């Protein structure tokens, strides 16, 4: 059985990497009750490189 995602969370991250790992931890900001899981693109989809 597949898991169906339902709640959408907003998180805060820093783009700094150190030896291939995030330098600072990911922090939970809030639940987004106004956004459906189907409206959120898959992780990495549509990401734009910085400064490229």
PDB file of N, CA and C in Angstrom:
ATOM      1  N   UNK A   1       0.844  -1.177   0.000  1.00  0.00           N
ATOM      2  CA  UNK A   1       0.000   0.000   0.000  1.00  0.00           C
ATOM      3  C   UNK A   1       0.888   1.240   0.000  1.00  0.00           C
ATOM      4  N   UNK A   2       0.538   2.200  -0.830  1.00  0.00           N
ATOM      5  CA  UNK A   2       1.283   3.453  -0.887  1.00  0.00           C
ATOM      6  C   UNK A   2       0.742   4.439   0.135  1.00  0.00           C
ATOM      7  N   UNK A   3       1.609   5.286   0.623  1.00  0.00           N
ATOM      8  CA  UNK A   3       1.202   6.334   1.558  1.00  0.00           C
ATOM      9  C   UNK A   3       0.728   7.531   0.748  1.00  0.00           C
ATOM     10  N   UNK A   4      -0.437   8.053   1.062  1.00  0.00           N
ATOM     11  CA  UNK A   4      -0.976   9.225   0.400  1.00  0.00           C
ATOM     12  C   UNK A   4      -0.691  10.463   1.253  1.00  0.00           C
ATOM     13  N   UNK A   5       0.160  11.390   0.760  1.00  0.00           N
ATOM     14  CA  UNK A   5       0.441  12.601   1.538  1.00  0.00           C
ATOM     15  C   UNK A   5      -0.773  13.510   1.579  1.00  0.00           C
ATOM     16  N   UNK A   6      -1.037  14.085   2.726  1.00  0.00           N
ATOM     17  CA  UNK A   6      -2.171  14.995   2.843  1.00  0.00           C
ATOM     18  C   UNK A   6      -1.776  16.358   3.373  1.00  0.00           C
ATOM     19  N   UNK A   7      -1.179  16.458   4.568  1.00  0.00           N
ATOM     20  CA  UNK A   7      -0.829  17.799   5.043  1.00  0.00           C
ATOM     21  C   UNK A   7       0.383  18.351   4.289  1.00  0.00           C
ATOM     22  N   UNK A   8       0.388  19.647   4.079  1.00  0.00           N
ATOM     23  CA  UNK A   8       1.510  20.330   3.440  1.00  0.00           C
ATOM     24  C   UNK A   8       2.143  21.229   4.493  1.00  0.00           C
ATOM     25  N   UNK A   9       3.453  21.125   4.633  1.00  0.00           N
ATOM     26  CA  UNK A   9       4.168  21.938   5.619  1.00  0.00           C
ATOM     27  C   UNK A   9       5.096  22.912   4.908  1.00  0.00           C
ATOM     28  N   UNK A  10       5.229  24.100   5.466  1.00  0.00           N
ATOM     29  CA  UNK A  10       6.204  25.070   4.989  1.00  0.00           C
ATOM     30  C   UNK A  10       7.428  24.918   5.884  1.00  0.00           C
ATOM     31  N   UNK A  11       8.601  24.858   5.260  1.00  0.00           N
ATOM     32  CA  UNK A  11       9.839  24.701   6.017  1.00  0.00           C
ATOM     33  C   UNK A  11      10.791  25.829   5.657  1.00  0.00           C
ATOM     34  N   UNK A  12      11.774  26.058   6.524  1.00  0.00           N
ATOM     35  CA  UNK A  12      12.809  27.055   6.271  1.00  0.00           C
ATOM     36  C   UNK A  12      14.141  26.323   6.159  1.00  0.00           C
ATOM     37  N   UNK A  13      14.876  26.610   5.077  1.00  0.00           N
ATOM     38  CA  UNK A  13      16.173  25.970   4.867  1.00  0.00           C
ATOM     39  C   UNK A  13      17.184  27.011   4.420  1.00  0.00           C
ATOM     40  N   UNK A  14      18.429  26.715   4.640  1.00  0.00           N
ATOM     41  CA  UNK A  14      19.524  27.529   4.153  1.00  0.00           C
ATOM     42  C   UNK A  14      20.199  26.722   3.048  1.00  0.00           C
ATOM     43  N   UNK A  15      20.677  27.364   2.018  1.00  0.00           N
ATOM     44  CA  UNK A  15      21.281  26.639   0.903  1.00  0.00           C
ATOM     45  C   UNK A  15      22.743  26.280   1.148  1.00  0.00           C
ATOM     46  N   UNK A  16      23.292  26.646   2.286  1.00  0.00           N
ATOM     47  CA  UNK A  16      24.700  26.378   2.560  1.00  0.00           C
ATOM     48  C   UNK A  16      24.930  24.887   2.800  1.00  0.00           C
ATOM     49  N   UNK A  17      25.908  24.346   2.084  1.00  0.00           N
ATOM     50  CA  UNK A  17      26.294  22.949   2.263  1.00  0.00           C
ATOM     51  C   UNK A  17      27.701  22.881   2.835  1.00  0.00           C
ATOM     52  N   UNK A  18      27.933  21.860   3.623  1.00  0.00           N
ATOM     53  CA  UNK A  18      29.266  21.633   4.182  1.00  0.00           C
ATOM     54  C   UNK A  18      29.560  20.147   4.069  1.00  0.00           C
ATOM     55  N   UNK A  19      30.534  19.802   3.239  1.00  0.00           N
ATOM     56  CA  UNK A  19      30.888  18.402   2.977  1.00  0.00           C
ATOM     57  C   UNK A  19      29.685  17.573   2.528  1.00  0.00           C
ATOM     58  N   UNK A  20      28.837  18.145   1.669  1.00  0.00           N
ATOM     59  CA  UNK A  20      27.709  17.414   1.111  1.00  0.00           C
ATOM     60  C   UNK A  20      26.475  17.343   1.980  1.00  0.00           C
ATOM     61  N   UNK A  21      26.481  17.982   3.131  1.00  0.00           N
ATOM     62  CA  UNK A  21      25.323  17.970   4.034  1.00  0.00           C
ATOM     63  C   UNK A  21      24.899  19.407   4.305  1.00  0.00           C
ATOM     64  N   UNK A  22      23.625  19.589   4.641  1.00  0.00           N
ATOM     65  CA  UNK A  22      23.151  20.926   4.978  1.00  0.00           C
ATOM     66  C   UNK A  22      23.920  21.445   6.186  1.00  0.00           C
ATOM     67  N   UNK A  23      24.377  22.676   6.121  1.00  0.00           N
ATOM     68  CA  UNK A  23      25.130  23.266   7.227  1.00  0.00           C
ATOM     69  C   UNK A  23      24.225  23.546   8.430  1.00  0.00           C
ATOM     70  N   UNK A  24      22.985  23.950   8.152  1.00  0.00           N
ATOM     71  CA  UNK A  24      22.034  24.268   9.216  1.00  0.00           C
ATOM     72  C   UNK A  24      20.827  23.344   9.094  1.00  0.00           C
ATOM     73  N   UNK A  25      20.188  22.993  10.188  1.00  0.00           N
ATOM     74  CA  UNK A  25      19.050  22.078  10.116  1.00  0.00           C
ATOM     75  C   UNK A  25      17.830  22.708   9.435  1.00  0.00           C
ATOM     76  N   UNK A  26      17.011  21.853   8.855  1.00  0.00           N
ATOM     77  CA  UNK A  26      15.733  22.287   8.279  1.00  0.00           C
ATOM     78  C   UNK A  26      14.797  22.581   9.435  1.00  0.00           C
ATOM     79  N   UNK A  27      14.064  23.702   9.343  1.00  0.00           N
ATOM     80  CA  UNK A  27      13.167  24.095  10.433  1.00  0.00           C
ATOM     81  C   UNK A  27      11.725  24.131   9.942  1.00  0.00           C
ATOM     82  N   UNK A  28      10.831  23.582  10.732  1.00  0.00           N
ATOM     83  CA  UNK A  28       9.406  23.608  10.441  1.00  0.00           C
ATOM     84  C   UNK A  28       8.888  25.021  10.652  1.00  0.00           C
ATOM     85  N   UNK A  29       8.125  25.563   9.674  1.00  0.00           N
ATOM     86  CA  UNK A  29       7.556  26.899   9.809  1.00  0.00           C
ATOM     87  C   UNK A  29       6.087  26.822  10.199  1.00  0.00           C
ATOM     88  N   UNK A  30       5.286  26.126   9.385  1.00  0.00           N
ATOM     89  CA  UNK A  30       3.851  26.023   9.677  1.00  0.00           C
ATOM     90  C   UNK A  30       3.202  25.032   8.722  1.00  0.00           C
ATOM     91  N   UNK A  31       2.014  24.568   9.087  1.00  0.00           N
ATOM     92  CA  UNK A  31       1.205  23.770   8.178  1.00  0.00           C
ATOM     93  C   UNK A  31       0.505  24.718   7.215  1.00  0.00           C
ATOM     94  N   UNK A  32       0.395  24.326   5.959  1.00  0.00           N
ATOM     95  CA  UNK A  32      -0.276  25.134   4.947  1.00  0.00           C
ATOM     96  C   UNK A  32      -1.627  24.497   4.632  1.00  0.00           C
ATOM     97  N   UNK A  33      -2.637  24.868   5.390  1.00  0.00           N
ATOM     98  CA  UNK A  33      -3.971  24.320   5.200  1.00  0.00           C
ATOM     99  C   UNK A  33      -4.623  24.860   3.933  1.00  0.00           C
ATOM    100  N   UNK A  34      -4.060  25.936   3.363  1.00  0.00           N
ATOM    101  CA  UNK A  34      -4.602  26.528   2.143  1.00  0.00           C
ATOM    102  C   UNK A  34      -4.041  25.901   0.866  1.00  0.00           C
ATOM    103  N   UNK A  35      -3.133  24.927   0.996  1.00  0.00           N
ATOM    104  CA  UNK A  35      -2.499  24.284  -0.157  1.00  0.00           C
ATOM    105  C   UNK A  35      -2.753  22.779  -0.095  1.00  0.00           C
ATOM    106  N   UNK A  36      -3.164  22.209  -1.214  1.00  0.00           N
ATOM    107  CA  UNK A  36      -3.374  20.760  -1.296  1.00  0.00           C
ATOM    108  C   UNK A  36      -2.068  20.086  -1.703  1.00  0.00           C
ATOM    109  N   UNK A  37      -1.869  18.855  -1.275  1.00  0.00           N
ATOM    110  CA  UNK A  37      -0.657  18.112  -1.614  1.00  0.00           C
ATOM    111  C   UNK A  37      -0.498  17.969  -3.124  1.00  0.00           C
ATOM    112  N   UNK A  38      -1.602  17.869  -3.854  1.00  0.00           N
ATOM    113  CA  UNK A  38      -1.543  17.740  -5.312  1.00  0.00           C
ATOM    114  C   UNK A  38      -1.029  19.013  -5.973  1.00  0.00           C
ATOM    115  N   UNK A  39      -1.085  20.150  -5.294  1.00  0.00           N
ATOM    116  CA  UNK A  39      -0.631  21.423  -5.853  1.00  0.00           C
ATOM    117  C   UNK A  39       0.871  21.638  -5.691  1.00  0.00           C
ATOM    118  N   UNK A  40       1.527  20.800  -4.916  1.00  0.00           N
ATOM    119  CA  UNK A  40       2.949  20.962  -4.625  1.00  0.00           C
ATOM    120  C   UNK A  40       3.758  20.102  -5.597  1.00  0.00           C
ATOM    121  N   UNK A  41       4.725  20.697  -6.325  1.00  0.00           N
ATOM    122  CA  UNK A  41       5.538  19.895  -7.245  1.00  0.00           C
ATOM    123  C   UNK A  41       6.443  18.936  -6.472  1.00  0.00           C
ATOM    124  N   UNK A  42       6.840  17.825  -7.090  1.00  0.00           N
ATOM    125  CA  UNK A  42       7.765  16.908  -6.423  1.00  0.00           C
ATOM    126  C   UNK A  42       9.079  17.608  -6.068  1.00  0.00           C
ATOM    127  N   UNK A  43       9.740  17.127  -5.035  1.00  0.00           N
ATOM    128  CA  UNK A  43      10.989  17.723  -4.582  1.00  0.00           C
ATOM    129  C   UNK A  43      11.986  17.811  -5.734  1.00  0.00           C
ATOM    130  N   UNK A  44      12.523  18.992  -5.964  1.00  0.00           N
ATOM    131  CA  UNK A  44      13.520  19.184  -7.012  1.00  0.00           C
ATOM    132  C   UNK A  44      12.931  19.532  -8.361  1.00  0.00           C
ATOM    133  N   UNK A  45      11.649  19.309  -8.573  1.00  0.00           N
ATOM    134  CA  UNK A  45      11.033  19.627  -9.857  1.00  0.00           C
ATOM    135  C   UNK A  45      10.905  21.135  -9.998  1.00  0.00           C
ATOM    136  N   UNK A  46      11.423  21.659 -11.063  1.00  0.00           N
ATOM    137  CA  UNK A  46      11.309  23.090 -11.317  1.00  0.00           C
ATOM    138  C   UNK A  46      12.284  23.944 -10.536  1.00  0.00           C
ATOM    139  N   UNK A  47      13.215  23.319  -9.837  1.00  0.00           N
ATOM    140  CA  UNK A  47      14.197  24.100  -9.064  1.00  0.00           C
ATOM    141  C   UNK A  47      15.127  24.837 -10.014  1.00  0.00           C
ATOM    142  N   UNK A  48      15.437  26.070  -9.678  1.00  0.00           N
ATOM    143  CA  UNK A  48      16.324  26.897 -10.496  1.00  0.00           C
ATOM    144  C   UNK A  48      17.677  27.024  -9.809  1.00  0.00           C
ATOM    145  N   UNK A  49      18.774  26.790 -10.531  1.00  0.00           N
ATOM    146  CA  UNK A  49      20.092  26.960  -9.915  1.00  0.00           C
ATOM    147  C   UNK A  49      20.333  28.425  -9.544  1.00  0.00           C
ATOM    148  N   UNK A  50      21.066  28.632  -8.469  1.00  0.00           N
ATOM    149  CA  UNK A  50      21.354  29.979  -7.988  1.00  0.00           C
ATOM    150  C   UNK A  50      22.632  30.481  -8.677  1.00  0.00           C
ATOM    151  N   UNK A  51      22.558  31.699  -9.192  1.00  0.00           N
ATOM    152  CA  UNK A  51      23.739  32.342  -9.771  1.00  0.00           C
ATOM    153  C   UNK A  51      24.252  31.734 -11.054  1.00  0.00           C
ATOM    154  N   UNK A  52      23.454  30.910 -11.745  1.00  0.00           N
ATOM    155  CA  UNK A  52      23.944  30.184 -12.881  1.00  0.00           C
ATOM    156  C   UNK A  52      23.812  30.806 -14.163  1.00  0.00           C
TER     157      UNK A  52
END
